[in-house]
Amino acid sequence: MGSDGYQVKAGMTGQARQLDDAGRDMDAISSAVKARMSYSYDDAGGEDAAAALNAFVKAWEAEAKTLASALHELGGKVQLAKKTYHGTDGLVKTHADSVTVGGTSSLTDTSTQGGRTSVLSSY
């Protein structure tokens, strides 16, 4: 964790986990709001105030459920995208390895070009 209190999570797995964690937080908020869904005259200071407060709490609980569901869904989609890209990366490597360059049956040395490391060197 950095000195500013933030932690960087690289990669799509970290992002998917953060979305799912946020969804669980919204689930907890929804449960907490639902626990107090009925306010009485004494709680709110009047029938009109109690009715308005009860309607507000009900709407908040529904919104929290919607947000939680959306966050869980997004987390799952990010995880699926990660798996898809991982599989595609393997196919790219396979196809790149089969390219004939200058009479060889594999890619030429791509570890450094112009003093910098090539992105292809990780394959």
N, C-alpha and C. Protein backbone atom coordinates (compact mmCIF):
# COMPACT_ATOMS: atom_id res chain seq x y z
N MET A 1 0.85 -1.17 0.00
CA MET A 1 0.00 0.00 0.00
C MET A 1 0.89 1.23 0.00
N GLY A 2 0.52 2.22 -0.80
CA GLY A 2 1.29 3.45 -0.88
C GLY A 2 1.13 4.31 0.35
N SER A 3 1.98 5.34 0.45
CA SER A 3 1.94 6.22 1.62
C SER A 3 0.65 7.04 1.66
N ASP A 4 -0.03 7.16 0.52
CA ASP A 4 -1.28 7.92 0.49
C ASP A 4 -2.50 7.08 0.85
N GLY A 5 -2.29 5.80 1.16
CA GLY A 5 -3.38 4.93 1.58
C GLY A 5 -4.05 4.17 0.47
N TYR A 6 -3.60 4.38 -0.77
CA TYR A 6 -4.19 3.68 -1.91
C TYR A 6 -3.34 2.48 -2.28
N GLN A 7 -4.00 1.45 -2.75
CA GLN A 7 -3.31 0.25 -3.20
C GLN A 7 -3.67 0.03 -4.66
N VAL A 8 -2.66 -0.20 -5.47
CA VAL A 8 -2.89 -0.43 -6.89
C VAL A 8 -3.04 -1.93 -7.12
N LYS A 9 -4.12 -2.30 -7.79
CA LYS A 9 -4.34 -3.70 -8.15
C LYS A 9 -4.30 -3.77 -9.67
N ALA A 10 -3.24 -4.34 -10.18
CA ALA A 10 -3.06 -4.41 -11.63
C ALA A 10 -3.82 -5.60 -12.20
N GLY A 11 -4.16 -5.47 -13.46
CA GLY A 11 -4.79 -6.57 -14.17
C GLY A 11 -6.29 -6.59 -14.00
N MET A 12 -6.90 -7.40 -14.82
CA MET A 12 -8.36 -7.46 -14.84
C MET A 12 -8.92 -8.22 -13.65
N THR A 13 -8.17 -9.16 -13.10
CA THR A 13 -8.67 -9.91 -11.95
C THR A 13 -8.88 -8.98 -10.76
N GLY A 14 -7.93 -8.07 -10.54
CA GLY A 14 -8.06 -7.10 -9.46
C GLY A 14 -9.27 -6.20 -9.65
N GLN A 15 -9.50 -5.77 -10.89
CA GLN A 15 -10.66 -4.92 -11.17
C GLN A 15 -11.96 -5.69 -10.96
N ALA A 16 -12.01 -6.92 -11.41
CA ALA A 16 -13.21 -7.74 -11.23
C ALA A 16 -13.49 -7.94 -9.75
N ARG A 17 -12.44 -8.19 -8.99
CA ARG A 17 -12.60 -8.39 -7.54
C ARG A 17 -13.10 -7.12 -6.87
N GLN A 18 -12.58 -5.96 -7.28
CA GLN A 18 -13.02 -4.69 -6.71
C GLN A 18 -14.51 -4.45 -7.00
N LEU A 19 -14.93 -4.75 -8.21
CA LEU A 19 -16.35 -4.59 -8.55
C LEU A 19 -17.22 -5.51 -7.71
N ASP A 20 -16.79 -6.75 -7.55
CA ASP A 20 -17.57 -7.70 -6.76
C ASP A 20 -17.59 -7.29 -5.28
N ASP A 21 -16.45 -6.80 -4.77
CA ASP A 21 -16.41 -6.31 -3.39
C ASP A 21 -17.36 -5.13 -3.20
N ALA A 22 -17.39 -4.23 -4.18
CA ALA A 22 -18.32 -3.10 -4.11
C ALA A 22 -19.77 -3.59 -4.13
N GLY A 23 -20.03 -4.63 -4.91
CA GLY A 23 -21.37 -5.23 -4.93
C GLY A 23 -21.75 -5.79 -3.58
N ARG A 24 -20.79 -6.44 -2.90
CA ARG A 24 -21.06 -6.96 -1.55
C ARG A 24 -21.32 -5.82 -0.57
N ASP A 25 -20.60 -4.71 -0.74
CA ASP A 25 -20.84 -3.54 0.11
C ASP A 25 -22.27 -3.03 -0.09
N MET A 26 -22.71 -2.98 -1.34
CA MET A 26 -24.07 -2.52 -1.63
C MET A 26 -25.10 -3.51 -1.09
N ASP A 27 -24.79 -4.80 -1.11
CA ASP A 27 -25.69 -5.79 -0.50
C ASP A 27 -25.86 -5.49 0.99
N ALA A 28 -24.75 -5.15 1.66
CA ALA A 28 -24.80 -4.84 3.09
C ALA A 28 -25.60 -3.56 3.34
N ILE A 29 -25.45 -2.57 2.48
CA ILE A 29 -26.21 -1.33 2.62
C ILE A 29 -27.69 -1.62 2.45
N SER A 30 -28.03 -2.42 1.44
CA SER A 30 -29.42 -2.78 1.20
C SER A 30 -30.02 -3.46 2.43
N SER A 31 -29.27 -4.38 3.02
CA SER A 31 -29.76 -5.08 4.22
C SER A 31 -29.94 -4.13 5.39
N ALA A 32 -29.00 -3.20 5.55
CA ALA A 32 -29.09 -2.24 6.65
C ALA A 32 -30.29 -1.31 6.48
N VAL A 33 -30.52 -0.88 5.25
CA VAL A 33 -31.65 0.00 4.98
C VAL A 33 -32.96 -0.75 5.16
N LYS A 34 -33.01 -1.99 4.68
CA LYS A 34 -34.24 -2.79 4.78
C LYS A 34 -34.64 -3.03 6.23
N ALA A 35 -33.64 -3.11 7.11
CA ALA A 35 -33.93 -3.35 8.53
C ALA A 35 -34.75 -2.21 9.14
N ARG A 36 -34.68 -1.01 8.56
CA ARG A 36 -35.44 0.14 9.07
C ARG A 36 -36.38 0.67 8.01
N MET A 37 -37.25 -0.17 7.47
CA MET A 37 -38.12 0.27 6.38
C MET A 37 -39.45 0.84 6.84
N SER A 38 -39.71 0.86 8.12
CA SER A 38 -41.00 1.36 8.57
C SER A 38 -40.81 2.32 9.74
N TYR A 39 -41.01 3.60 9.47
CA TYR A 39 -40.91 4.63 10.50
C TYR A 39 -42.31 5.05 10.91
N SER A 40 -42.50 5.27 12.19
CA SER A 40 -43.81 5.66 12.72
C SER A 40 -43.88 7.17 12.90
N TYR A 41 -45.05 7.61 13.28
CA TYR A 41 -45.28 9.02 13.57
C TYR A 41 -44.26 9.53 14.59
N ASP A 42 -44.05 8.75 15.66
CA ASP A 42 -43.12 9.16 16.71
C ASP A 42 -41.68 9.26 16.19
N ASP A 43 -41.31 8.35 15.30
CA ASP A 43 -39.94 8.36 14.75
C ASP A 43 -39.69 9.59 13.89
N ALA A 44 -40.67 9.96 13.08
CA ALA A 44 -40.47 11.00 12.07
C ALA A 44 -41.06 12.35 12.45
N GLY A 45 -41.93 12.38 13.43
CA GLY A 45 -42.51 13.67 13.85
C GLY A 45 -43.76 14.07 13.10
N GLY A 46 -44.47 13.12 12.56
CA GLY A 46 -45.73 13.43 11.87
C GLY A 46 -46.04 12.38 10.83
N GLU A 47 -47.34 12.24 10.53
CA GLU A 47 -47.77 11.23 9.55
C GLU A 47 -47.19 11.50 8.17
N ASP A 48 -47.24 12.76 7.71
CA ASP A 48 -46.71 13.08 6.39
C ASP A 48 -45.21 12.81 6.33
N ALA A 49 -44.50 13.20 7.38
CA ALA A 49 -43.06 12.98 7.42
C ALA A 49 -42.75 11.48 7.46
N ALA A 50 -43.51 10.73 8.22
CA ALA A 50 -43.29 9.29 8.30
C ALA A 50 -43.54 8.63 6.94
N ALA A 51 -44.60 9.02 6.26
CA ALA A 51 -44.91 8.45 4.94
C ALA A 51 -43.81 8.79 3.94
N ALA A 52 -43.34 10.03 3.96
CA ALA A 52 -42.27 10.45 3.05
C ALA A 52 -40.97 9.70 3.35
N LEU A 53 -40.66 9.57 4.63
CA LEU A 53 -39.43 8.87 5.03
C LEU A 53 -39.51 7.39 4.65
N ASN A 54 -40.67 6.78 4.86
CA ASN A 54 -40.84 5.36 4.49
C ASN A 54 -40.69 5.17 2.98
N ALA A 55 -41.24 6.08 2.19
CA ALA A 55 -41.12 5.99 0.73
C ALA A 55 -39.66 6.17 0.31
N PHE A 56 -38.96 7.10 0.95
CA PHE A 56 -37.55 7.33 0.65
C PHE A 56 -36.71 6.10 0.97
N VAL A 57 -36.93 5.49 2.12
CA VAL A 57 -36.17 4.32 2.53
C VAL A 57 -36.44 3.15 1.58
N LYS A 58 -37.70 2.99 1.19
CA LYS A 58 -38.05 1.92 0.26
C LYS A 58 -37.34 2.12 -1.09
N ALA A 59 -37.31 3.36 -1.57
CA ALA A 59 -36.63 3.65 -2.83
C ALA A 59 -35.12 3.43 -2.71
N TRP A 60 -34.56 3.81 -1.58
CA TRP A 60 -33.12 3.63 -1.35
C TRP A 60 -32.76 2.14 -1.33
N GLU A 61 -33.59 1.36 -0.70
CA GLU A 61 -33.34 -0.08 -0.62
C GLU A 61 -33.39 -0.70 -2.02
N ALA A 62 -34.35 -0.29 -2.83
CA ALA A 62 -34.45 -0.80 -4.20
C ALA A 62 -33.24 -0.36 -5.02
N GLU A 63 -32.80 0.88 -4.85
CA GLU A 63 -31.63 1.39 -5.57
C GLU A 63 -30.37 0.62 -5.17
N ALA A 64 -30.22 0.35 -3.88
CA ALA A 64 -29.06 -0.40 -3.40
C ALA A 64 -29.03 -1.80 -4.00
N LYS A 65 -30.19 -2.44 -4.10
CA LYS A 65 -30.26 -3.77 -4.72
C LYS A 65 -29.86 -3.72 -6.19
N THR A 66 -30.35 -2.70 -6.89
CA THR A 66 -30.02 -2.54 -8.31
C THR A 66 -28.53 -2.32 -8.50
N LEU A 67 -27.94 -1.44 -7.69
CA LEU A 67 -26.50 -1.17 -7.79
C LEU A 67 -25.68 -2.42 -7.47
N ALA A 68 -26.07 -3.15 -6.44
CA ALA A 68 -25.35 -4.37 -6.07
C ALA A 68 -25.39 -5.37 -7.22
N SER A 69 -26.56 -5.56 -7.81
CA SER A 69 -26.71 -6.49 -8.92
C SER A 69 -25.84 -6.08 -10.10
N ALA A 70 -25.85 -4.79 -10.42
CA ALA A 70 -25.05 -4.28 -11.54
C ALA A 70 -23.56 -4.47 -11.28
N LEU A 71 -23.11 -4.20 -10.07
CA LEU A 71 -21.68 -4.37 -9.74
C LEU A 71 -21.25 -5.83 -9.82
N HIS A 72 -22.09 -6.73 -9.32
CA HIS A 72 -21.78 -8.16 -9.43
C HIS A 72 -21.72 -8.59 -10.90
N GLU A 73 -22.66 -8.10 -11.69
CA GLU A 73 -22.69 -8.45 -13.11
C GLU A 73 -21.45 -7.93 -13.83
N LEU A 74 -21.07 -6.69 -13.56
CA LEU A 74 -19.87 -6.12 -14.19
C LEU A 74 -18.62 -6.88 -13.79
N GLY A 75 -18.52 -7.25 -12.52
CA GLY A 75 -17.38 -8.04 -12.06
C GLY A 75 -17.27 -9.35 -12.82
N GLY A 76 -18.40 -10.00 -13.01
CA GLY A 76 -18.41 -11.26 -13.77
C GLY A 76 -18.02 -11.05 -15.22
N LYS A 77 -18.47 -9.96 -15.82
CA LYS A 77 -18.13 -9.69 -17.22
C LYS A 77 -16.65 -9.37 -17.38
N VAL A 78 -16.07 -8.64 -16.43
CA VAL A 78 -14.64 -8.35 -16.49
C VAL A 78 -13.84 -9.64 -16.36
N GLN A 79 -14.26 -10.52 -15.47
CA GLN A 79 -13.57 -11.82 -15.30
C GLN A 79 -13.68 -12.64 -16.58
N LEU A 80 -14.84 -12.65 -17.21
CA LEU A 80 -15.03 -13.37 -18.47
C LEU A 80 -14.15 -12.78 -19.56
N ALA A 81 -14.07 -11.45 -19.63
CA ALA A 81 -13.22 -10.80 -20.63
C ALA A 81 -11.76 -11.17 -20.42
N LYS A 82 -11.34 -11.24 -19.17
CA LYS A 82 -9.96 -11.61 -18.86
C LYS A 82 -9.66 -13.01 -19.39
N LYS A 83 -10.57 -13.94 -19.13
CA LYS A 83 -10.38 -15.32 -19.60
C LYS A 83 -10.34 -15.37 -21.13
N THR A 84 -11.20 -14.59 -21.76
CA THR A 84 -11.25 -14.56 -23.22
C THR A 84 -9.94 -14.01 -23.79
N TYR A 85 -9.47 -12.90 -23.24
CA TYR A 85 -8.21 -12.32 -23.72
C TYR A 85 -7.04 -13.25 -23.47
N HIS A 86 -7.04 -13.95 -22.34
CA HIS A 86 -5.95 -14.87 -22.05
C HIS A 86 -5.90 -15.97 -23.10
N GLY A 87 -7.04 -16.50 -23.46
CA GLY A 87 -7.10 -17.53 -24.49
C GLY A 87 -6.67 -17.00 -25.85
N THR A 88 -7.08 -15.78 -26.17
CA THR A 88 -6.71 -15.16 -27.44
C THR A 88 -5.22 -14.90 -27.49
N ASP A 89 -4.63 -14.48 -26.38
CA ASP A 89 -3.18 -14.24 -26.34
C ASP A 89 -2.42 -15.52 -26.69
N GLY A 90 -2.90 -16.66 -26.20
CA GLY A 90 -2.26 -17.94 -26.52
C GLY A 90 -2.33 -18.24 -28.00
N LEU A 91 -3.47 -17.93 -28.62
CA LEU A 91 -3.61 -18.14 -30.07
C LEU A 91 -2.68 -17.24 -30.86
N VAL A 92 -2.54 -15.99 -30.43
CA VAL A 92 -1.63 -15.06 -31.10
C VAL A 92 -0.21 -15.59 -31.05
N LYS A 93 0.20 -16.08 -29.89
CA LYS A 93 1.55 -16.63 -29.75
C LYS A 93 1.74 -17.82 -30.69
N THR A 94 0.76 -18.69 -30.73
CA THR A 94 0.85 -19.88 -31.60
C THR A 94 0.99 -19.45 -33.06
N HIS A 95 0.17 -18.50 -33.48
CA HIS A 95 0.23 -18.03 -34.87
C HIS A 95 1.53 -17.30 -35.14
N ALA A 96 2.00 -16.50 -34.21
CA ALA A 96 3.25 -15.76 -34.41
C ALA A 96 4.43 -16.71 -34.49
N ASP A 97 4.42 -17.76 -33.70
CA ASP A 97 5.51 -18.74 -33.73
C ASP A 97 5.57 -19.49 -35.06
N SER A 98 4.45 -19.57 -35.75
CA SER A 98 4.43 -20.32 -37.01
C SER A 98 4.83 -19.47 -38.22
N VAL A 99 5.08 -18.19 -38.01
CA VAL A 99 5.47 -17.31 -39.11
C VAL A 99 6.92 -17.57 -39.49
N THR A 100 7.17 -17.73 -40.79
CA THR A 100 8.53 -17.95 -41.29
C THR A 100 9.13 -16.60 -41.65
N VAL A 101 10.29 -16.30 -41.06
CA VAL A 101 10.96 -15.03 -41.31
C VAL A 101 12.40 -15.34 -41.73
N GLY A 102 12.77 -14.94 -42.93
CA GLY A 102 14.15 -15.10 -43.39
C GLY A 102 14.62 -16.54 -43.39
N GLY A 103 13.76 -17.47 -43.70
CA GLY A 103 14.15 -18.85 -43.78
C GLY A 103 14.12 -19.59 -42.45
N THR A 104 13.76 -18.92 -41.36
CA THR A 104 13.65 -19.61 -40.08
C THR A 104 12.20 -19.93 -39.82
N SER A 105 11.96 -20.83 -38.92
CA SER A 105 10.59 -21.25 -38.66
C SER A 105 10.01 -20.59 -37.42
N SER A 106 10.67 -19.56 -36.92
CA SER A 106 10.20 -18.88 -35.72
C SER A 106 10.48 -17.40 -35.86
N LEU A 107 9.98 -16.62 -34.95
CA LEU A 107 10.24 -15.18 -34.96
C LEU A 107 11.71 -14.93 -34.70
N THR A 108 12.21 -13.83 -35.25
CA THR A 108 13.58 -13.46 -34.96
C THR A 108 13.65 -12.94 -33.54
N ASP A 109 14.86 -12.73 -33.05
CA ASP A 109 15.04 -12.26 -31.67
C ASP A 109 14.35 -10.91 -31.49
N THR A 110 13.39 -10.85 -30.60
CA THR A 110 12.64 -9.61 -30.38
C THR A 110 12.89 -9.06 -28.98
N SER A 111 13.91 -9.56 -28.31
CA SER A 111 14.10 -9.15 -26.92
C SER A 111 14.45 -7.68 -26.79
N THR A 112 15.30 -7.14 -27.69
CA THR A 112 15.60 -5.71 -27.64
C THR A 112 15.67 -5.17 -29.04
N GLN A 113 15.14 -4.00 -29.21
CA GLN A 113 15.21 -3.31 -30.49
C GLN A 113 15.38 -1.83 -30.19
N GLY A 114 16.46 -1.27 -30.70
CA GLY A 114 16.70 0.16 -30.46
C GLY A 114 16.89 0.47 -28.99
N GLY A 115 17.43 -0.47 -28.21
CA GLY A 115 17.69 -0.22 -26.80
C GLY A 115 16.50 -0.41 -25.89
N ARG A 116 15.36 -0.82 -26.42
CA ARG A 116 14.19 -1.04 -25.57
C ARG A 116 13.73 -2.49 -25.69
N THR A 117 13.09 -2.95 -24.67
CA THR A 117 12.59 -4.32 -24.67
C THR A 117 11.29 -4.38 -25.45
N SER A 118 11.19 -5.37 -26.33
CA SER A 118 9.98 -5.55 -27.12
C SER A 118 8.89 -6.18 -26.28
N VAL A 119 7.67 -5.77 -26.53
CA VAL A 119 6.54 -6.36 -25.84
C VAL A 119 6.38 -7.83 -26.21
N LEU A 120 6.88 -8.23 -27.37
CA LEU A 120 6.77 -9.62 -27.82
C LEU A 120 7.72 -10.55 -27.09
N SER A 121 8.71 -9.99 -26.38
CA SER A 121 9.68 -10.85 -25.71
C SER A 121 9.05 -11.67 -24.59
N SER A 122 7.89 -11.26 -24.08
CA SER A 122 7.23 -12.04 -23.03
C SER A 122 6.56 -13.29 -23.57
N TYR A 123 6.42 -13.39 -24.87
CA TYR A 123 5.83 -14.57 -25.46
C TYR A 123 6.89 -15.61 -25.65
